[in-house]
Amino acid sequence: MRAAREEFAAHGYGAATIASIAGRAGCDPALVHYFFGTKRDLFDAAITLPYDPGAVLLAALQGTGAQQDAAGSADRGGIGARLVEQILTSWETDENRLIMVALVRSAASEEDAREAVHDLIVRKALLPAVEVLGVPDAERRAVLIGSLLYGLMLVRHVVRMEPVASDSVQRLGEIIGPVWEHYLFDDLET
């Protein structure tokens, strides 16, 4: 699995092959096919996170006081920074970073990978968290935040643009958090 993640992270879905993954793992390609089936099956297994991203974000929301009052005003309570920090912290392990880089590289060129990114970031992680807040147009808000998240993954872990690549999780939370709060709470029609 580690070899597959490394290969998909280094080359993306399109350029990675079962043969290159098997070579990296030191085994025969037939063995990879036997245990994982097709390249798509192996990719799906390789990009599965070892935790539930939606549950992580929902846990970050608990106790924040971020909710809407009867008039529709939101008590933001710094929730944007906490969510950014929670997500970035979850990426900081080598395995999770490999998964995210594999997704970002692959989504740029492969439809299946784009669907996997949308499913992981929007449907499984962000949408459940946004829906808890009770704000209108939750899916649009989740996709907008997902676009920022995808861009942050690209800049921080794929092209490694400084200073963002080496900024602390807390610093990025301070900078990006207010933008997330805008997408989470503000009227998107104006």
N, C-alpha and C. Protein backbone atom coordinates (compact mmCIF):
# COMPACT_ATOMS: atom_id res chain seq x y z
N MET A 1 0.83 -1.18 0.00
CA MET A 1 0.00 0.00 0.00
C MET A 1 0.88 1.25 0.00
N ARG A 2 1.94 1.19 0.79
CA ARG A 2 2.86 2.35 0.84
C ARG A 2 3.45 2.61 -0.54
N ALA A 3 3.86 1.57 -1.23
CA ALA A 3 4.43 1.73 -2.58
C ALA A 3 3.42 2.34 -3.53
N ALA A 4 2.17 1.92 -3.44
CA ALA A 4 1.13 2.47 -4.31
C ALA A 4 0.92 3.95 -4.00
N ARG A 5 0.85 4.30 -2.72
CA ARG A 5 0.67 5.70 -2.36
C ARG A 5 1.84 6.56 -2.85
N GLU A 6 3.05 6.04 -2.67
CA GLU A 6 4.22 6.79 -3.13
C GLU A 6 4.20 6.98 -4.64
N GLU A 7 3.83 5.94 -5.36
CA GLU A 7 3.81 6.02 -6.83
C GLU A 7 2.71 6.96 -7.31
N PHE A 8 1.52 6.86 -6.75
CA PHE A 8 0.43 7.77 -7.14
C PHE A 8 0.76 9.21 -6.74
N ALA A 9 1.40 9.41 -5.60
CA ALA A 9 1.78 10.76 -5.16
C ALA A 9 2.86 11.34 -6.07
N ALA A 10 3.80 10.51 -6.49
CA ALA A 10 4.90 10.99 -7.33
C ALA A 10 4.48 11.26 -8.77
N HIS A 11 3.56 10.43 -9.29
CA HIS A 11 3.27 10.49 -10.72
C HIS A 11 1.81 10.72 -11.07
N GLY A 12 0.91 10.64 -10.11
CA GLY A 12 -0.51 10.74 -10.41
C GLY A 12 -1.05 9.43 -10.91
N TYR A 13 -2.35 9.34 -10.99
CA TYR A 13 -3.01 8.10 -11.39
C TYR A 13 -2.64 7.70 -12.81
N GLY A 14 -2.66 8.64 -13.73
CA GLY A 14 -2.44 8.34 -15.14
C GLY A 14 -1.07 7.75 -15.43
N ALA A 15 -0.03 8.26 -14.80
CA ALA A 15 1.33 7.82 -15.10
C ALA A 15 1.78 6.63 -14.25
N ALA A 16 1.15 6.43 -13.12
CA ALA A 16 1.52 5.28 -12.28
C ALA A 16 1.02 4.00 -12.96
N THR A 17 1.80 2.95 -12.85
CA THR A 17 1.41 1.66 -13.43
C THR A 17 1.51 0.59 -12.36
N ILE A 18 0.80 -0.49 -12.58
CA ILE A 18 0.90 -1.63 -11.67
C ILE A 18 2.35 -2.13 -11.64
N ALA A 19 3.02 -2.13 -12.80
CA ALA A 19 4.41 -2.59 -12.85
C ALA A 19 5.32 -1.69 -12.02
N SER A 20 5.13 -0.36 -12.11
CA SER A 20 5.99 0.55 -11.34
C SER A 20 5.71 0.43 -9.84
N ILE A 21 4.46 0.22 -9.49
CA ILE A 21 4.10 0.04 -8.08
C ILE A 21 4.69 -1.27 -7.55
N ALA A 22 4.57 -2.32 -8.34
CA ALA A 22 5.14 -3.61 -7.94
C ALA A 22 6.66 -3.50 -7.81
N GLY A 23 7.29 -2.80 -8.74
CA GLY A 23 8.74 -2.61 -8.67
C GLY A 23 9.15 -1.88 -7.40
N ARG A 24 8.40 -0.85 -7.06
CA ARG A 24 8.69 -0.08 -5.84
C ARG A 24 8.50 -0.96 -4.60
N ALA A 25 7.51 -1.86 -4.66
CA ALA A 25 7.23 -2.74 -3.52
C ALA A 25 8.12 -3.97 -3.50
N GLY A 26 8.86 -4.20 -4.60
CA GLY A 26 9.73 -5.37 -4.65
C GLY A 26 8.99 -6.67 -4.86
N CYS A 27 7.92 -6.62 -5.64
CA CYS A 27 7.15 -7.84 -5.90
C CYS A 27 6.76 -7.90 -7.37
N ASP A 28 6.13 -8.97 -7.74
CA ASP A 28 5.69 -9.19 -9.12
C ASP A 28 4.36 -8.47 -9.34
N PRO A 29 4.15 -7.87 -10.52
CA PRO A 29 2.87 -7.21 -10.79
C PRO A 29 1.66 -8.14 -10.64
N ALA A 30 1.85 -9.43 -10.93
CA ALA A 30 0.74 -10.38 -10.78
C ALA A 30 0.26 -10.45 -9.33
N LEU A 31 1.17 -10.28 -8.40
CA LEU A 31 0.82 -10.31 -6.99
C LEU A 31 -0.06 -9.09 -6.63
N VAL A 32 0.29 -7.94 -7.20
CA VAL A 32 -0.52 -6.73 -6.97
C VAL A 32 -1.93 -6.95 -7.54
N HIS A 33 -2.00 -7.46 -8.75
CA HIS A 33 -3.32 -7.75 -9.35
C HIS A 33 -4.10 -8.75 -8.51
N TYR A 34 -3.42 -9.77 -8.01
CA TYR A 34 -4.09 -10.80 -7.23
C TYR A 34 -4.74 -10.19 -5.98
N PHE A 35 -4.01 -9.33 -5.28
CA PHE A 35 -4.53 -8.78 -4.03
C PHE A 35 -5.42 -7.55 -4.21
N PHE A 36 -5.21 -6.79 -5.27
CA PHE A 36 -5.94 -5.52 -5.40
C PHE A 36 -6.79 -5.42 -6.66
N GLY A 37 -6.65 -6.32 -7.61
CA GLY A 37 -7.46 -6.24 -8.82
C GLY A 37 -6.88 -5.24 -9.80
N THR A 38 -7.71 -4.32 -10.26
CA THR A 38 -7.30 -3.35 -11.26
C THR A 38 -6.54 -2.19 -10.63
N LYS A 39 -5.96 -1.38 -11.50
CA LYS A 39 -5.27 -0.18 -11.02
C LYS A 39 -6.26 0.73 -10.30
N ARG A 40 -7.47 0.84 -10.81
CA ARG A 40 -8.48 1.68 -10.16
C ARG A 40 -8.80 1.14 -8.76
N ASP A 41 -8.92 -0.17 -8.62
CA ASP A 41 -9.18 -0.76 -7.30
C ASP A 41 -8.03 -0.45 -6.33
N LEU A 42 -6.81 -0.55 -6.83
CA LEU A 42 -5.65 -0.25 -6.00
C LEU A 42 -5.64 1.23 -5.63
N PHE A 43 -5.96 2.10 -6.58
CA PHE A 43 -6.02 3.54 -6.30
C PHE A 43 -7.05 3.83 -5.21
N ASP A 44 -8.23 3.24 -5.34
CA ASP A 44 -9.28 3.45 -4.33
C ASP A 44 -8.80 3.02 -2.95
N ALA A 45 -8.11 1.89 -2.89
CA ALA A 45 -7.60 1.42 -1.59
C ALA A 45 -6.50 2.35 -1.07
N ALA A 46 -5.66 2.83 -1.98
CA ALA A 46 -4.53 3.67 -1.58
C ALA A 46 -4.97 5.04 -1.07
N ILE A 47 -6.08 5.56 -1.57
CA ILE A 47 -6.50 6.90 -1.15
C ILE A 47 -7.49 6.88 0.01
N THR A 48 -7.74 5.72 0.55
CA THR A 48 -8.63 5.63 1.71
C THR A 48 -7.90 6.13 2.93
N LEU A 49 -8.45 7.16 3.55
CA LEU A 49 -7.84 7.71 4.76
C LEU A 49 -8.06 6.78 5.94
N PRO A 50 -7.13 6.75 6.86
CA PRO A 50 -7.26 5.89 8.04
C PRO A 50 -8.16 6.48 9.12
N TYR A 51 -8.89 7.51 8.77
CA TYR A 51 -9.82 8.15 9.71
C TYR A 51 -10.98 8.72 8.92
N ASP A 52 -12.05 9.08 9.59
CA ASP A 52 -13.22 9.67 8.95
C ASP A 52 -13.06 11.19 8.98
N PRO A 53 -12.80 11.82 7.83
CA PRO A 53 -12.57 13.27 7.84
C PRO A 53 -13.78 14.07 8.30
N GLY A 54 -14.98 13.60 8.01
CA GLY A 54 -16.19 14.28 8.48
C GLY A 54 -16.28 14.27 9.99
N ALA A 55 -15.94 13.14 10.60
CA ALA A 55 -15.98 13.04 12.06
C ALA A 55 -14.95 13.96 12.69
N VAL A 56 -13.79 14.09 12.06
CA VAL A 56 -12.75 14.98 12.57
C VAL A 56 -13.25 16.42 12.58
N LEU A 57 -13.88 16.84 11.49
CA LEU A 57 -14.37 18.22 11.41
C LEU A 57 -15.55 18.44 12.36
N LEU A 58 -16.42 17.46 12.46
CA LEU A 58 -17.55 17.60 13.39
C LEU A 58 -17.04 17.71 14.82
N ALA A 59 -16.01 16.97 15.15
CA ALA A 59 -15.41 17.07 16.49
C ALA A 59 -14.82 18.46 16.71
N ALA A 60 -14.23 19.03 15.66
CA ALA A 60 -13.66 20.37 15.77
C ALA A 60 -14.75 21.42 15.98
N LEU A 61 -15.95 21.15 15.47
CA LEU A 61 -17.06 22.09 15.63
C LEU A 61 -17.67 22.07 17.03
N GLN A 62 -17.59 20.95 17.69
CA GLN A 62 -18.22 20.82 19.01
C GLN A 62 -17.58 21.79 19.99
N GLY A 63 -18.44 22.50 20.67
CA GLY A 63 -17.97 23.44 21.68
C GLY A 63 -17.43 24.74 21.15
N THR A 64 -17.59 25.00 19.84
CA THR A 64 -17.07 26.24 19.28
C THR A 64 -18.03 27.40 19.47
N GLY A 65 -19.29 27.10 19.69
CA GLY A 65 -20.28 28.16 19.78
C GLY A 65 -20.67 28.68 18.40
N ALA A 66 -20.19 28.04 17.36
CA ALA A 66 -20.50 28.48 16.00
C ALA A 66 -21.88 27.98 15.62
N GLN A 67 -22.81 28.86 15.63
CA GLN A 67 -24.17 28.52 15.26
C GLN A 67 -24.90 29.80 14.90
N GLN A 68 -26.03 29.66 14.30
CA GLN A 68 -26.80 30.84 13.92
C GLN A 68 -27.88 31.08 14.95
N ASP A 69 -28.09 32.39 15.24
CA ASP A 69 -29.18 32.73 16.14
C ASP A 69 -30.47 32.86 15.34
N ALA A 70 -31.57 33.21 15.98
CA ALA A 70 -32.87 33.27 15.32
C ALA A 70 -32.89 34.27 14.18
N ALA A 71 -32.07 35.30 14.25
CA ALA A 71 -32.04 36.31 13.19
C ALA A 71 -31.13 35.91 12.04
N GLY A 72 -30.44 34.77 12.18
CA GLY A 72 -29.56 34.30 11.11
C GLY A 72 -28.13 34.79 11.24
N SER A 73 -27.81 35.53 12.31
CA SER A 73 -26.44 35.98 12.51
C SER A 73 -25.61 34.84 13.08
N ALA A 74 -24.40 34.74 12.63
CA ALA A 74 -23.55 33.64 13.07
C ALA A 74 -22.55 34.11 14.12
N ASP A 75 -22.41 33.30 15.15
CA ASP A 75 -21.34 33.48 16.12
C ASP A 75 -20.19 32.64 15.59
N ARG A 76 -19.22 33.28 15.00
CA ARG A 76 -18.15 32.55 14.32
C ARG A 76 -17.17 31.93 15.29
N GLY A 77 -16.89 32.57 16.37
CA GLY A 77 -16.05 32.00 17.41
C GLY A 77 -14.70 31.46 16.95
N GLY A 78 -14.13 31.98 15.87
CA GLY A 78 -12.84 31.49 15.38
C GLY A 78 -12.89 30.11 14.77
N ILE A 79 -14.08 29.70 14.36
CA ILE A 79 -14.24 28.35 13.84
C ILE A 79 -13.41 28.10 12.58
N GLY A 80 -13.26 29.10 11.74
CA GLY A 80 -12.49 28.91 10.51
C GLY A 80 -11.06 28.48 10.79
N ALA A 81 -10.41 29.18 11.72
CA ALA A 81 -9.04 28.84 12.07
C ALA A 81 -8.96 27.43 12.66
N ARG A 82 -9.91 27.07 13.51
CA ARG A 82 -9.90 25.73 14.11
C ARG A 82 -10.08 24.64 13.05
N LEU A 83 -10.97 24.88 12.10
CA LEU A 83 -11.18 23.88 11.05
C LEU A 83 -9.95 23.73 10.17
N VAL A 84 -9.36 24.86 9.78
CA VAL A 84 -8.14 24.81 8.97
C VAL A 84 -7.05 24.05 9.72
N GLU A 85 -6.85 24.39 10.98
CA GLU A 85 -5.82 23.73 11.78
C GLU A 85 -6.09 22.24 11.93
N GLN A 86 -7.35 21.88 12.13
CA GLN A 86 -7.70 20.46 12.29
C GLN A 86 -7.39 19.68 11.03
N ILE A 87 -7.75 20.23 9.89
CA ILE A 87 -7.50 19.54 8.62
C ILE A 87 -6.00 19.45 8.35
N LEU A 88 -5.30 20.56 8.50
CA LEU A 88 -3.86 20.53 8.22
C LEU A 88 -3.13 19.58 9.16
N THR A 89 -3.52 19.57 10.41
CA THR A 89 -2.90 18.66 11.37
C THR A 89 -3.12 17.20 10.95
N SER A 90 -4.31 16.90 10.43
CA SER A 90 -4.59 15.53 10.00
C SER A 90 -3.75 15.12 8.80
N TRP A 91 -3.23 16.09 8.03
CA TRP A 91 -2.39 15.79 6.88
C TRP A 91 -0.93 15.60 7.23
N GLU A 92 -0.53 16.00 8.40
CA GLU A 92 0.89 16.08 8.70
C GLU A 92 1.59 14.74 8.88
N THR A 93 0.87 13.64 8.95
CA THR A 93 1.55 12.34 8.98
C THR A 93 1.99 12.00 7.56
N ASP A 94 3.06 11.23 7.44
CA ASP A 94 3.57 10.87 6.12
C ASP A 94 2.52 10.17 5.26
N GLU A 95 1.80 9.20 5.85
CA GLU A 95 0.81 8.43 5.08
C GLU A 95 -0.32 9.33 4.58
N ASN A 96 -0.85 10.16 5.45
CA ASN A 96 -1.96 11.03 5.04
C ASN A 96 -1.51 12.04 3.99
N ARG A 97 -0.29 12.56 4.13
CA ARG A 97 0.22 13.50 3.14
C ARG A 97 0.37 12.81 1.78
N LEU A 98 0.86 11.57 1.78
CA LEU A 98 0.97 10.82 0.52
C LEU A 98 -0.40 10.66 -0.14
N ILE A 99 -1.40 10.35 0.67
CA ILE A 99 -2.76 10.19 0.13
C ILE A 99 -3.23 11.49 -0.49
N MET A 100 -3.06 12.60 0.22
CA MET A 100 -3.52 13.89 -0.29
C MET A 100 -2.78 14.29 -1.56
N VAL A 101 -1.47 14.09 -1.59
CA VAL A 101 -0.69 14.43 -2.78
C VAL A 101 -1.12 13.54 -3.95
N ALA A 102 -1.34 12.27 -3.69
CA ALA A 102 -1.81 11.37 -4.76
C ALA A 102 -3.15 11.86 -5.32
N LEU A 103 -4.03 12.28 -4.44
CA LEU A 103 -5.33 12.80 -4.89
C LEU A 103 -5.18 14.07 -5.71
N VAL A 104 -4.38 15.00 -5.23
CA VAL A 104 -4.22 16.27 -5.94
C VAL A 104 -3.59 16.06 -7.31
N ARG A 105 -2.51 15.31 -7.36
CA ARG A 105 -1.85 15.06 -8.65
C ARG A 105 -2.80 14.33 -9.63
N SER A 106 -3.50 13.37 -9.13
CA SER A 106 -4.36 12.55 -9.99
C SER A 106 -5.60 13.30 -10.45
N ALA A 107 -6.17 14.12 -9.58
CA ALA A 107 -7.40 14.84 -9.92
C ALA A 107 -7.19 15.83 -11.04
N ALA A 108 -5.97 16.29 -11.23
CA ALA A 108 -5.70 17.26 -12.28
C ALA A 108 -5.86 16.65 -13.68
N SER A 109 -5.77 15.32 -13.77
CA SER A 109 -5.81 14.71 -15.10
C SER A 109 -6.77 13.55 -15.27
N GLU A 110 -7.36 13.07 -14.19
CA GLU A 110 -8.19 11.88 -14.28
C GLU A 110 -9.58 12.12 -13.71
N GLU A 111 -10.59 11.80 -14.48
CA GLU A 111 -11.98 11.99 -14.04
C GLU A 111 -12.30 11.19 -12.79
N ASP A 112 -11.86 9.93 -12.74
CA ASP A 112 -12.12 9.11 -11.56
C ASP A 112 -11.51 9.73 -10.31
N ALA A 113 -10.31 10.27 -10.45
CA ALA A 113 -9.65 10.90 -9.31
C ALA A 113 -10.38 12.19 -8.91
N ARG A 114 -10.88 12.94 -9.87
CA ARG A 114 -11.66 14.16 -9.55
C ARG A 114 -12.88 13.78 -8.73
N GLU A 115 -13.54 12.71 -9.13
CA GLU A 115 -14.70 12.26 -8.36
C GLU A 115 -14.30 11.82 -6.96
N ALA A 116 -13.15 11.16 -6.84
CA ALA A 116 -12.68 10.72 -5.52
C ALA A 116 -12.36 11.92 -4.64
N VAL A 117 -11.74 12.96 -5.21
CA VAL A 117 -11.43 14.18 -4.45
C VAL A 117 -12.72 14.85 -4.00
N HIS A 118 -13.67 14.97 -4.90
CA HIS A 118 -14.95 15.60 -4.55
C HIS A 118 -15.65 14.81 -3.46
N ASP A 119 -15.64 13.49 -3.59
CA ASP A 119 -16.28 12.65 -2.59
C ASP A 119 -15.61 12.79 -1.23
N LEU A 120 -14.29 12.73 -1.20
CA LEU A 120 -13.56 12.81 0.06
C LEU A 120 -13.68 14.19 0.70
N ILE A 121 -13.36 15.23 -0.07
CA ILE A 121 -13.29 16.57 0.51
C ILE A 121 -14.68 17.16 0.74
N VAL A 122 -15.53 17.10 -0.26
CA VAL A 122 -16.83 17.76 -0.14
C VAL A 122 -17.85 16.89 0.58
N ARG A 123 -18.12 15.70 0.04
CA ARG A 123 -19.21 14.88 0.58
C ARG A 123 -18.92 14.29 1.96
N LYS A 124 -17.71 13.76 2.14
CA LYS A 124 -17.41 13.07 3.40
C LYS A 124 -16.90 14.00 4.49
N ALA A 125 -16.19 15.06 4.14
CA ALA A 125 -15.58 15.91 5.17
C ALA A 125 -16.34 17.21 5.37
N LEU A 126 -16.44 18.01 4.34
CA LEU A 126 -16.94 19.37 4.52
C LEU A 126 -18.46 19.48 4.61
N LEU A 127 -19.17 18.80 3.74
CA LEU A 127 -20.63 18.94 3.72
C LEU A 127 -21.28 18.57 5.05
N PRO A 128 -20.92 17.45 5.68
CA PRO A 128 -21.53 17.15 6.98
C PRO A 128 -21.25 18.25 8.02
N ALA A 129 -20.04 18.81 7.99
CA ALA A 129 -19.70 19.86 8.95
C ALA A 129 -20.49 21.13 8.66
N VAL A 130 -20.63 21.49 7.40
CA VAL A 130 -21.38 22.71 7.05
C VAL A 130 -22.86 22.53 7.38
N GLU A 131 -23.39 21.35 7.11
CA GLU A 131 -24.81 21.11 7.39
C GLU A 131 -25.13 21.24 8.88
N VAL A 132 -24.19 20.89 9.74
CA VAL A 132 -24.39 21.01 11.19
C VAL A 132 -24.63 22.47 11.57
N LEU A 133 -24.04 23.39 10.83
CA LEU A 133 -24.17 24.81 11.15
C LEU A 133 -25.56 25.35 10.80
N GLY A 134 -26.31 24.64 9.98
CA GLY A 134 -27.66 25.06 9.63
C GLY A 134 -27.71 26.27 8.71
N VAL A 135 -26.67 26.49 7.93
CA VAL A 135 -26.64 27.63 7.01
C VAL A 135 -27.23 27.21 5.66
N PRO A 136 -27.82 28.17 4.94
CA PRO A 136 -28.37 27.83 3.62
C PRO A 136 -27.27 27.55 2.61
N ASP A 137 -27.62 26.80 1.57
CA ASP A 137 -26.72 26.52 0.45
C ASP A 137 -25.44 25.80 0.91
N ALA A 138 -25.63 24.79 1.72
CA ALA A 138 -24.50 24.08 2.34
C ALA A 138 -23.56 23.47 1.31
N GLU A 139 -24.10 22.90 0.25
CA GLU A 139 -23.22 22.26 -0.73
C GLU A 139 -22.33 23.28 -1.43
N ARG A 140 -22.87 24.43 -1.81
CA ARG A 140 -22.06 25.47 -2.45
C ARG A 140 -20.93 25.89 -1.50
N ARG A 141 -21.28 26.09 -0.23
CA ARG A 141 -20.29 26.50 0.76
C ARG A 141 -19.20 25.43 0.90
N ALA A 142 -19.59 24.17 0.93
CA ALA A 142 -18.62 23.09 1.06
C ALA A 142 -17.70 23.03 -0.16
N VAL A 143 -18.25 23.24 -1.35
CA VAL A 143 -17.43 23.22 -2.56
C VAL A 143 -16.46 24.41 -2.58
N LEU A 144 -16.92 25.58 -2.16
CA LEU A 144 -16.03 26.75 -2.12
C LEU A 144 -14.87 26.51 -1.14
N ILE A 145 -15.17 25.98 0.02
CA ILE A 145 -14.12 25.68 0.99
C ILE A 145 -13.22 24.57 0.44
N GLY A 146 -13.84 23.59 -0.22
CA GLY A 146 -13.06 22.51 -0.83
C GLY A 146 -12.08 23.03 -1.87
N SER A 147 -12.48 24.05 -2.62
CA SER A 147 -11.58 24.62 -3.62
C SER A 147 -10.36 25.26 -2.94
N LEU A 148 -10.59 25.92 -1.82
CA LEU A 148 -9.47 26.50 -1.07
C LEU A 148 -8.58 25.40 -0.52
N LEU A 149 -9.19 24.35 -0.05
CA LEU A 149 -8.45 23.22 0.52
C LEU A 149 -7.61 22.53 -0.55
N TYR A 150 -8.19 22.31 -1.71
CA TYR A 150 -7.46 21.69 -2.82
C TYR A 150 -6.26 22.57 -3.20
N GLY A 151 -6.50 23.86 -3.31
CA GLY A 151 -5.41 24.78 -3.65
C GLY A 151 -4.33 24.78 -2.59
N LEU A 152 -4.72 24.72 -1.33
CA LEU A 152 -3.75 24.68 -0.25
C LEU A 152 -2.93 23.39 -0.30
N MET A 153 -3.58 22.26 -0.58
CA MET A 153 -2.84 21.00 -0.72
C MET A 153 -1.82 21.10 -1.85
N LEU A 154 -2.25 21.67 -2.97
CA LEU A 154 -1.38 21.81 -4.14
C LEU A 154 -0.17 22.69 -3.80
N VAL A 155 -0.43 23.84 -3.22
CA VAL A 155 0.64 24.79 -2.92
C VAL A 155 1.57 24.28 -1.81
N ARG A 156 1.00 23.69 -0.79
CA ARG A 156 1.80 23.28 0.38
C ARG A 156 2.55 21.97 0.15
N HIS A 157 1.93 21.00 -0.51
CA HIS A 157 2.52 19.66 -0.57
C HIS A 157 2.94 19.19 -1.96
N VAL A 158 2.48 19.82 -3.03
CA VAL A 158 2.87 19.36 -4.37
C VAL A 158 3.93 20.30 -4.95
N VAL A 159 3.60 21.58 -5.12
CA VAL A 159 4.58 22.52 -5.68
C VAL A 159 5.43 23.18 -4.61
N ARG A 160 5.04 23.03 -3.36
CA ARG A 160 5.80 23.49 -2.19
C ARG A 160 6.22 24.95 -2.32
N MET A 161 5.24 25.80 -2.54
CA MET A 161 5.51 27.23 -2.66
C MET A 161 5.72 27.84 -1.27
N GLU A 162 6.80 28.56 -1.14
CA GLU A 162 7.10 29.25 0.11
C GLU A 162 6.46 30.63 0.08
N PRO A 163 6.06 31.12 1.22
CA PRO A 163 6.26 30.62 2.57
C PRO A 163 5.18 29.64 3.04
N VAL A 164 4.14 29.42 2.23
CA VAL A 164 3.03 28.57 2.67
C VAL A 164 3.48 27.15 2.97
N ALA A 165 4.41 26.63 2.19
CA ALA A 165 4.86 25.25 2.39
C ALA A 165 5.45 25.03 3.78
N SER A 166 6.06 26.05 4.33
CA SER A 166 6.68 25.86 5.65
C SER A 166 5.97 26.64 6.76
N ASP A 167 4.89 27.33 6.45
CA ASP A 167 4.12 28.01 7.49
C ASP A 167 3.60 27.00 8.50
N SER A 168 3.49 27.42 9.73
CA SER A 168 2.93 26.54 10.75
C SER A 168 1.43 26.37 10.51
N VAL A 169 0.90 25.29 11.03
CA VAL A 169 -0.53 25.03 10.95
C VAL A 169 -1.31 26.17 11.59
N GLN A 170 -0.82 26.67 12.71
CA GLN A 170 -1.50 27.76 13.41
C GLN A 170 -1.50 29.03 12.57
N ARG A 171 -0.38 29.34 11.93
CA ARG A 171 -0.30 30.54 11.10
C ARG A 171 -1.27 30.45 9.93
N LEU A 172 -1.32 29.31 9.29
CA LEU A 172 -2.25 29.14 8.17
C LEU A 172 -3.69 29.25 8.64
N GLY A 173 -3.98 28.71 9.84
CA GLY A 173 -5.32 28.85 10.40
C GLY A 173 -5.69 30.31 10.60
N GLU A 174 -4.76 31.10 11.09
CA GLU A 174 -5.01 32.53 11.30
C GLU A 174 -5.28 33.26 9.98
N ILE A 175 -4.52 32.90 8.95
CA ILE A 175 -4.63 33.58 7.66
C ILE A 175 -5.87 33.13 6.89
N ILE A 176 -6.08 31.82 6.81
CA ILE A 176 -7.13 31.26 5.96
C ILE A 176 -8.46 31.16 6.69
N GLY A 177 -8.43 31.02 8.00
CA GLY A 177 -9.66 30.86 8.78
C GLY A 177 -10.75 31.88 8.49
N PRO A 178 -10.42 33.18 8.45
CA PRO A 178 -11.47 34.16 8.17
C PRO A 178 -12.13 33.99 6.79
N VAL A 179 -11.37 33.51 5.82
CA VAL A 179 -11.95 33.26 4.49
C VAL A 179 -12.94 32.11 4.58
N TRP A 180 -12.57 31.06 5.31
CA TRP A 180 -13.48 29.94 5.52
C TRP A 180 -14.74 30.42 6.21
N GLU A 181 -14.59 31.28 7.20
CA GLU A 181 -15.76 31.81 7.92
C GLU A 181 -16.67 32.59 6.98
N HIS A 182 -16.08 33.32 6.06
CA HIS A 182 -16.89 34.03 5.06
C HIS A 182 -17.73 33.03 4.27
N TYR A 183 -17.09 31.97 3.80
CA TYR A 183 -17.82 30.96 3.03
C TYR A 183 -18.83 30.19 3.89
N LEU A 184 -18.52 30.03 5.14
CA LEU A 184 -19.43 29.31 6.03
C LEU A 184 -20.65 30.11 6.42
N PHE A 185 -20.50 31.41 6.64
CA PHE A 185 -21.58 32.17 7.30
C PHE A 185 -22.15 33.33 6.49
N ASP A 186 -21.39 33.96 5.64
CA ASP A 186 -21.88 35.16 4.97
C ASP A 186 -22.86 34.84 3.86
N ASP A 187 -23.66 35.81 3.52
CA ASP A 187 -24.62 35.68 2.42
C ASP A 187 -23.85 35.57 1.12
N LEU A 188 -23.99 34.50 0.41
CA LEU A 188 -23.24 34.28 -0.84
C LEU A 188 -23.94 34.90 -2.05
N GLU A 189 -25.10 35.47 -1.86
CA GLU A 189 -25.84 36.05 -2.97
C GLU A 189 -25.47 37.50 -3.21
N THR A 190 -24.77 38.11 -2.27
CA THR A 190 -24.43 39.53 -2.44
C THR A 190 -23.00 39.73 -2.82
